[in-house]
Amino acid sequence: MVAEAQKKATAKYKARSIVQKKLDFNKTTDADILKWLEGKTFSTYIKQLIRADIQKNPGK
């Protein structure tokens, strides 16, 4: 079991260091995207796409 002090420290770290962005998918119209993402680590995949776009479009 995680100690209360550890929970507080983790919450403090997340509040200071982590930003979350929400993304919604429609099960019907975005079914192709959802199928493509199966088995992939979502956040890693999205970060790779964004970094590739940054490399292709520097300074924008």
C-alpha atoms as a PDB file:
ATOM      1  CA  MET A   1       0.000   0.000   0.000  1.00  0.00           C
ATOM      2  CA  VAL A   2       1.233   3.489  -0.834  1.00  0.00           C
ATOM      3  CA  ALA A   3       1.875   5.796   2.109  1.00  0.00           C
ATOM      4  CA  GLU A   4       0.041   9.116   2.328  1.00  0.00           C
ATOM      5  CA  ALA A   5       3.338  11.016   2.106  1.00  0.00           C
ATOM      6  CA  GLN A   6       4.115   9.262  -1.187  1.00  0.00           C
ATOM      7  CA  LYS A   7       0.644  10.086  -2.556  1.00  0.00           C
ATOM      8  CA  LYS A   8       1.120  13.748  -1.633  1.00  0.00           C
ATOM      9  CA  ALA A   9       4.590  13.854  -3.180  1.00  0.00           C
ATOM     10  CA  THR A  10       3.306  12.259  -6.392  1.00  0.00           C
ATOM     11  CA  ALA A  11       0.374  14.680  -6.598  1.00  0.00           C
ATOM     12  CA  LYS A  12       2.710  17.638  -6.025  1.00  0.00           C
ATOM     13  CA  TYR A  13       5.085  16.418  -8.763  1.00  0.00           C
ATOM     14  CA  LYS A  14       2.233  15.910 -11.233  1.00  0.00           C
ATOM     15  CA  ALA A  15       0.771  19.349 -10.502  1.00  0.00           C
ATOM     16  CA  ARG A  16       4.167  20.953 -11.078  1.00  0.00           C
ATOM     17  CA  SER A  17       5.418  18.883 -14.015  1.00  0.00           C
ATOM     18  CA  ILE A  18       2.598  17.295 -16.023  1.00  0.00           C
ATOM     19  CA  VAL A  19       0.167  18.808 -18.543  1.00  0.00           C
ATOM     20  CA  GLN A  20      -2.686  16.704 -19.889  1.00  0.00           C
ATOM     21  CA  LYS A  21      -4.460  17.303 -23.197  1.00  0.00           C
ATOM     22  CA  LYS A  22      -7.743  15.517 -23.788  1.00  0.00           C
ATOM     23  CA  LEU A  23      -8.605  14.012 -27.158  1.00  0.00           C
ATOM     24  CA  ASP A  24     -12.024  12.563 -27.985  1.00  0.00           C
ATOM     25  CA  PHE A  25     -12.746   9.927 -30.635  1.00  0.00           C
ATOM     26  CA  ASN A  26     -16.139   9.062 -32.070  1.00  0.00           C
ATOM     27  CA  LYS A  27     -16.540   5.271 -32.125  1.00  0.00           C
ATOM     28  CA  THR A  28     -18.310   5.448 -35.494  1.00  0.00           C
ATOM     29  CA  THR A  29     -16.603   8.160 -37.518  1.00  0.00           C
ATOM     30  CA  ASP A  30     -13.137   7.591 -36.037  1.00  0.00           C
ATOM     31  CA  ALA A  31     -13.237   3.783 -36.050  1.00  0.00           C
ATOM     32  CA  ASP A  32     -10.325   3.629 -38.506  1.00  0.00           C
ATOM     33  CA  ILE A  33      -8.159   5.717 -36.179  1.00  0.00           C
ATOM     34  CA  LEU A  34      -9.113   3.642 -33.142  1.00  0.00           C
ATOM     35  CA  LYS A  35      -8.262   0.425 -34.995  1.00  0.00           C
ATOM     36  CA  TRP A  36      -4.890   1.894 -36.078  1.00  0.00           C
ATOM     37  CA  LEU A  37      -4.061   2.806 -32.490  1.00  0.00           C
ATOM     38  CA  GLU A  38      -4.735  -0.690 -31.118  1.00  0.00           C
ATOM     39  CA  GLY A  39      -1.567  -2.122 -29.631  1.00  0.00           C
ATOM     40  CA  LYS A  40       0.282   1.196 -29.785  1.00  0.00           C
ATOM     41  CA  THR A  41       1.242   3.308 -26.787  1.00  0.00           C
ATOM     42  CA  PHE A  42      -0.987   6.302 -27.465  1.00  0.00           C
ATOM     43  CA  SER A  43       1.028   9.083 -25.826  1.00  0.00           C
ATOM     44  CA  THR A  44       4.308   7.901 -27.351  1.00  0.00           C
ATOM     45  CA  TYR A  45       2.730   7.657 -30.803  1.00  0.00           C
ATOM     46  CA  ILE A  46       1.217  11.158 -30.610  1.00  0.00           C
ATOM     47  CA  LYS A  47       4.487  12.667 -29.333  1.00  0.00           C
ATOM     48  CA  GLN A  48       6.409  11.048 -32.223  1.00  0.00           C
ATOM     49  CA  LEU A  49       3.946  12.494 -34.755  1.00  0.00           C
ATOM     50  CA  ILE A  50       4.184  15.970 -33.237  1.00  0.00           C
ATOM     51  CA  ARG A  51       7.997  15.885 -33.099  1.00  0.00           C
ATOM     52  CA  ALA A  52       8.150  14.738 -36.741  1.00  0.00           C
ATOM     53  CA  ASP A  53       5.867  17.645 -37.675  1.00  0.00           C
ATOM     54  CA  ILE A  54       8.090  20.072 -35.743  1.00  0.00           C
ATOM     55  CA  GLN A  55      11.137  18.788 -37.645  1.00  0.00           C
ATOM     56  CA  LYS A  56       9.349  19.276 -40.986  1.00  0.00           C
ATOM     57  CA  ASN A  57       8.102  22.749 -40.027  1.00  0.00           C
ATOM     58  CA  PRO A  58      10.746  24.433 -37.858  1.00  0.00           C
ATOM     59  CA  GLY A  59       9.945  27.865 -36.508  1.00  0.00           C
ATOM     60  CA  LYS A  60       6.169  27.577 -36.845  1.00  0.00           C
END
